[in-house]
């Protein structure tokens, strides 16, 4: 098989990049969230049909205009060998991104003036590093 330098996912990669696109489109208070979903398919061709339905076929930077049936059959065989679960179904993981943006309005919350905070960010980060999310830290004391 030939190796081509292509990317196996859509052009936009990070939730933060998409949040920036929402702001550039004129929306306020952008929020992006994501899930990794694993879906099981009987074969690669069913998976490809679903990818086409999602608009994700050939979503690469370097695009070939034609792929032979021989290449598809070789890919199906390789995919079957590498990604089959115990029930002989193929597993594919999708990164699904959810976006929310609000139309600008005078009633929306606005950020406080720069420097108006009462707590330093570095202090908060130090406290979080010592908190319950850090498994090596001691239990926080209640004051």
C-alpha atoms as a PDB file:
ATOM      1  CA  UNK A   1       0.000   0.000   0.000  1.00  0.00           C
ATOM      2  CA  UNK A   2       1.148   3.520  -0.753  1.00  0.00           C
ATOM      3  CA  UNK A   3       1.374   5.969   2.104  1.00  0.00           C
ATOM      4  CA  UNK A   4      -0.058   9.433   1.543  1.00  0.00           C
ATOM      5  CA  UNK A   5       0.385  12.365   3.933  1.00  0.00           C
ATOM      6  CA  UNK A   6      -3.282  12.974   4.711  1.00  0.00           C
ATOM      7  CA  UNK A   7      -5.276  13.805   7.775  1.00  0.00           C
ATOM      8  CA  UNK A   8      -8.007  11.396   8.787  1.00  0.00           C
ATOM      9  CA  UNK A   9     -10.396  13.964  10.188  1.00  0.00           C
ATOM     10  CA  UNK A  10     -12.074  17.212   9.340  1.00  0.00           C
ATOM     11  CA  UNK A  11     -10.044  20.365   8.898  1.00  0.00           C
ATOM     12  CA  UNK A  12     -11.119  21.915  12.216  1.00  0.00           C
ATOM     13  CA  UNK A  13      -9.597  20.001  15.069  1.00  0.00           C
ATOM     14  CA  UNK A  14      -9.988  21.720  18.403  1.00  0.00           C
ATOM     15  CA  UNK A  15     -13.057  22.804  20.323  1.00  0.00           C
ATOM     16  CA  UNK A  16     -11.335  26.132  21.047  1.00  0.00           C
ATOM     17  CA  UNK A  17     -10.847  26.804  17.329  1.00  0.00           C
ATOM     18  CA  UNK A  18     -14.547  26.264  16.704  1.00  0.00           C
ATOM     19  CA  UNK A  19     -15.434  28.589  19.582  1.00  0.00           C
ATOM     20  CA  UNK A  20     -13.367  31.255  17.811  1.00  0.00           C
ATOM     21  CA  UNK A  21     -15.315  30.656  14.606  1.00  0.00           C
ATOM     22  CA  UNK A  22     -18.587  31.215  16.451  1.00  0.00           C
ATOM     23  CA  UNK A  23     -17.287  34.560  17.729  1.00  0.00           C
ATOM     24  CA  UNK A  24     -16.015  35.502  14.265  1.00  0.00           C
ATOM     25  CA  UNK A  25     -19.545  34.816  12.955  1.00  0.00           C
ATOM     26  CA  UNK A  26     -20.894  37.443  15.361  1.00  0.00           C
ATOM     27  CA  UNK A  27     -22.182  35.276  18.219  1.00  0.00           C
ATOM     28  CA  UNK A  28     -21.463  36.027  21.881  1.00  0.00           C
ATOM     29  CA  UNK A  29     -20.714  33.749  24.818  1.00  0.00           C
ATOM     30  CA  UNK A  30     -19.508  30.797  22.725  1.00  0.00           C
ATOM     31  CA  UNK A  31     -19.558  27.414  24.383  1.00  0.00           C
ATOM     32  CA  UNK A  32     -18.108  24.252  22.903  1.00  0.00           C
ATOM     33  CA  UNK A  33     -18.417  20.779  24.349  1.00  0.00           C
ATOM     34  CA  UNK A  34     -17.564  17.396  22.925  1.00  0.00           C
ATOM     35  CA  UNK A  35     -18.078  13.668  23.288  1.00  0.00           C
ATOM     36  CA  UNK A  36     -16.178  10.669  22.024  1.00  0.00           C
ATOM     37  CA  UNK A  37     -18.726   8.162  20.745  1.00  0.00           C
ATOM     38  CA  UNK A  38     -17.837   4.606  19.800  1.00  0.00           C
ATOM     39  CA  UNK A  39     -20.149   3.032  17.228  1.00  0.00           C
ATOM     40  CA  UNK A  40     -20.099  -0.589  16.076  1.00  0.00           C
ATOM     41  CA  UNK A  41     -20.616  -1.595  12.433  1.00  0.00           C
ATOM     42  CA  UNK A  42     -20.973  -4.946  10.664  1.00  0.00           C
ATOM     43  CA  UNK A  43     -18.417  -3.906   8.033  1.00  0.00           C
ATOM     44  CA  UNK A  44     -16.364  -0.984   6.738  1.00  0.00           C
ATOM     45  CA  UNK A  45     -18.766  -0.266   3.888  1.00  0.00           C
ATOM     46  CA  UNK A  46     -21.686   0.339   6.283  1.00  0.00           C
ATOM     47  CA  UNK A  47     -19.424   2.645   8.282  1.00  0.00           C
ATOM     48  CA  UNK A  48     -18.491   4.515   5.080  1.00  0.00           C
ATOM     49  CA  UNK A  49     -22.175   4.938   4.235  1.00  0.00           C
ATOM     50  CA  UNK A  50     -22.714   6.575   7.632  1.00  0.00           C
ATOM     51  CA  UNK A  51     -19.626   8.762   7.161  1.00  0.00           C
ATOM     52  CA  UNK A  52     -21.052   9.951   3.854  1.00  0.00           C
ATOM     53  CA  UNK A  53     -24.320  10.803   5.604  1.00  0.00           C
ATOM     54  CA  UNK A  54     -22.338  12.911   8.104  1.00  0.00           C
ATOM     55  CA  UNK A  55     -20.499  14.709   5.288  1.00  0.00           C
ATOM     56  CA  UNK A  56     -17.189  13.228   6.432  1.00  0.00           C
ATOM     57  CA  UNK A  57     -16.072  11.325   3.361  1.00  0.00           C
ATOM     58  CA  UNK A  58     -12.803  12.484   1.866  1.00  0.00           C
ATOM     59  CA  UNK A  59     -12.510  15.246   4.481  1.00  0.00           C
ATOM     60  CA  UNK A  60      -8.766  15.504   4.030  1.00  0.00           C
ATOM     61  CA  UNK A  61      -6.327  18.218   3.075  1.00  0.00           C
ATOM     62  CA  UNK A  62      -4.823  16.189   0.232  1.00  0.00           C
ATOM     63  CA  UNK A  63      -7.650  14.745  -1.778  1.00  0.00           C
ATOM     64  CA  UNK A  64      -7.506  12.059  -4.454  1.00  0.00           C
ATOM     65  CA  UNK A  65     -10.204  12.183  -7.086  1.00  0.00           C
ATOM     66  CA  UNK A  66     -10.502   8.402  -7.509  1.00  0.00           C
ATOM     67  CA  UNK A  67     -10.001   5.406  -5.231  1.00  0.00           C
ATOM     68  CA  UNK A  68     -10.047   1.966  -6.795  1.00  0.00           C
ATOM     69  CA  UNK A  69     -12.230  -0.910  -5.586  1.00  0.00           C
ATOM     70  CA  UNK A  70      -9.019  -2.844  -4.906  1.00  0.00           C
ATOM     71  CA  UNK A  71      -7.954  -0.134  -2.428  1.00  0.00           C
ATOM     72  CA  UNK A  72     -11.367  -0.211  -0.713  1.00  0.00           C
ATOM     73  CA  UNK A  73     -11.266  -4.009  -0.376  1.00  0.00           C
ATOM     74  CA  UNK A  74      -7.718  -3.893   1.040  1.00  0.00           C
ATOM     75  CA  UNK A  75      -8.758  -1.177   3.490  1.00  0.00           C
ATOM     76  CA  UNK A  76     -11.840  -3.188   4.529  1.00  0.00           C
ATOM     77  CA  UNK A  77      -9.671  -6.240   5.196  1.00  0.00           C
ATOM     78  CA  UNK A  78      -7.156  -4.231   7.232  1.00  0.00           C
ATOM     79  CA  UNK A  79      -9.862  -2.416   9.175  1.00  0.00           C
ATOM     80  CA  UNK A  80     -11.577  -5.751   9.913  1.00  0.00           C
ATOM     81  CA  UNK A  81      -8.304  -7.168  11.224  1.00  0.00           C
ATOM     82  CA  UNK A  82      -7.364  -4.158  13.376  1.00  0.00           C
ATOM     83  CA  UNK A  83     -10.688  -2.935  14.786  1.00  0.00           C
ATOM     84  CA  UNK A  84     -12.973  -5.951  15.202  1.00  0.00           C
ATOM     85  CA  UNK A  85     -14.345  -6.513  18.702  1.00  0.00           C
ATOM     86  CA  UNK A  86     -15.187  -9.851  20.344  1.00  0.00           C
ATOM     87  CA  UNK A  87     -18.544  -9.945  18.502  1.00  0.00           C
ATOM     88  CA  UNK A  88     -16.782  -9.417  15.162  1.00  0.00           C
ATOM     89  CA  UNK A  89     -18.177  -5.909  14.766  1.00  0.00           C
ATOM     90  CA  UNK A  90     -16.006  -3.000  13.724  1.00  0.00           C
ATOM     91  CA  UNK A  91     -15.569  -0.186  16.211  1.00  0.00           C
ATOM     92  CA  UNK A  92     -15.199   3.418  15.087  1.00  0.00           C
ATOM     93  CA  UNK A  93     -14.816   6.369  17.444  1.00  0.00           C
ATOM     94  CA  UNK A  94     -16.253   9.756  16.535  1.00  0.00           C
ATOM     95  CA  UNK A  95     -15.410  13.090  18.115  1.00  0.00           C
ATOM     96  CA  UNK A  96     -18.742  14.933  18.211  1.00  0.00           C
ATOM     97  CA  UNK A  97     -18.589  18.659  18.947  1.00  0.00           C
ATOM     98  CA  UNK A  98     -21.578  20.635  20.290  1.00  0.00           C
ATOM     99  CA  UNK A  99     -21.644  24.411  19.898  1.00  0.00           C
ATOM    100  CA  UNK A 100     -23.720  27.176  21.426  1.00  0.00           C
ATOM    101  CA  UNK A 101     -23.545  30.878  20.617  1.00  0.00           C
ATOM    102  CA  UNK A 102     -25.908  33.693  21.465  1.00  0.00           C
ATOM    103  CA  UNK A 103     -27.071  36.561  19.316  1.00  0.00           C
ATOM    104  CA  UNK A 104     -25.675  39.788  20.818  1.00  0.00           C
ATOM    105  CA  UNK A 105     -28.136  41.607  23.062  1.00  0.00           C
ATOM    106  CA  UNK A 106     -27.870  44.438  25.608  1.00  0.00           C
ATOM    107  CA  UNK A 107     -29.167  42.155  28.389  1.00  0.00           C
ATOM    108  CA  UNK A 108     -26.257  39.706  28.093  1.00  0.00           C
ATOM    109  CA  UNK A 109     -23.684  39.457  30.810  1.00  0.00           C
ATOM    110  CA  UNK A 110     -20.496  41.399  30.182  1.00  0.00           C
ATOM    111  CA  UNK A 111     -17.011  40.785  31.548  1.00  0.00           C
ATOM    112  CA  UNK A 112     -15.881  42.847  34.533  1.00  0.00           C
ATOM    113  CA  UNK A 113     -13.249  45.504  33.991  1.00  0.00           C
ATOM    114  CA  UNK A 114      -9.710  44.240  33.699  1.00  0.00           C
ATOM    115  CA  UNK A 115      -8.064  44.149  37.119  1.00  0.00           C
ATOM    116  CA  UNK A 116     -11.345  44.219  39.053  1.00  0.00           C
ATOM    117  CA  UNK A 117     -11.014  40.654  40.387  1.00  0.00           C
ATOM    118  CA  UNK A 118     -10.640  40.036  44.107  1.00  0.00           C
ATOM    119  CA  UNK A 119      -8.586  36.825  43.799  1.00  0.00           C
ATOM    120  CA  UNK A 120      -5.391  36.261  41.857  1.00  0.00           C
ATOM    121  CA  UNK A 121      -5.608  33.505  39.234  1.00  0.00           C
ATOM    122  CA  UNK A 122      -2.274  32.063  40.413  1.00  0.00           C
ATOM    123  CA  UNK A 123      -3.679  31.639  43.931  1.00  0.00           C
ATOM    124  CA  UNK A 124      -6.744  29.806  42.639  1.00  0.00           C
ATOM    125  CA  UNK A 125      -4.594  27.541  40.451  1.00  0.00           C
ATOM    126  CA  UNK A 126      -2.349  26.705  43.427  1.00  0.00           C
ATOM    127  CA  UNK A 127      -5.405  25.841  45.526  1.00  0.00           C
ATOM    128  CA  UNK A 128      -6.792  23.633  42.766  1.00  0.00           C
ATOM    129  CA  UNK A 129      -3.454  21.824  42.456  1.00  0.00           C
ATOM    130  CA  UNK A 130      -3.710  20.909  46.138  1.00  0.00           C
ATOM    131  CA  UNK A 131      -7.404  20.035  46.025  1.00  0.00           C
ATOM    132  CA  UNK A 132      -9.356  16.777  45.747  1.00  0.00           C
ATOM    133  CA  UNK A 133      -8.816  16.469  41.978  1.00  0.00           C
ATOM    134  CA  UNK A 134      -5.118  15.887  42.604  1.00  0.00           C
ATOM    135  CA  UNK A 135      -4.816  12.279  43.841  1.00  0.00           C
ATOM    136  CA  UNK A 136      -1.431  12.938  45.452  1.00  0.00           C
ATOM    137  CA  UNK A 137      -2.742  15.747  47.654  1.00  0.00           C
ATOM    138  CA  UNK A 138      -4.043  15.411  51.167  1.00  0.00           C
ATOM    139  CA  UNK A 139      -7.730  15.812  51.928  1.00  0.00           C
ATOM    140  CA  UNK A 140      -8.647  19.503  52.120  1.00  0.00           C
ATOM    141  CA  UNK A 141      -9.618  20.745  55.553  1.00  0.00           C
ATOM    142  CA  UNK A 142     -12.989  22.400  56.125  1.00  0.00           C
ATOM    143  CA  UNK A 143     -12.649  25.835  57.717  1.00  0.00           C
END
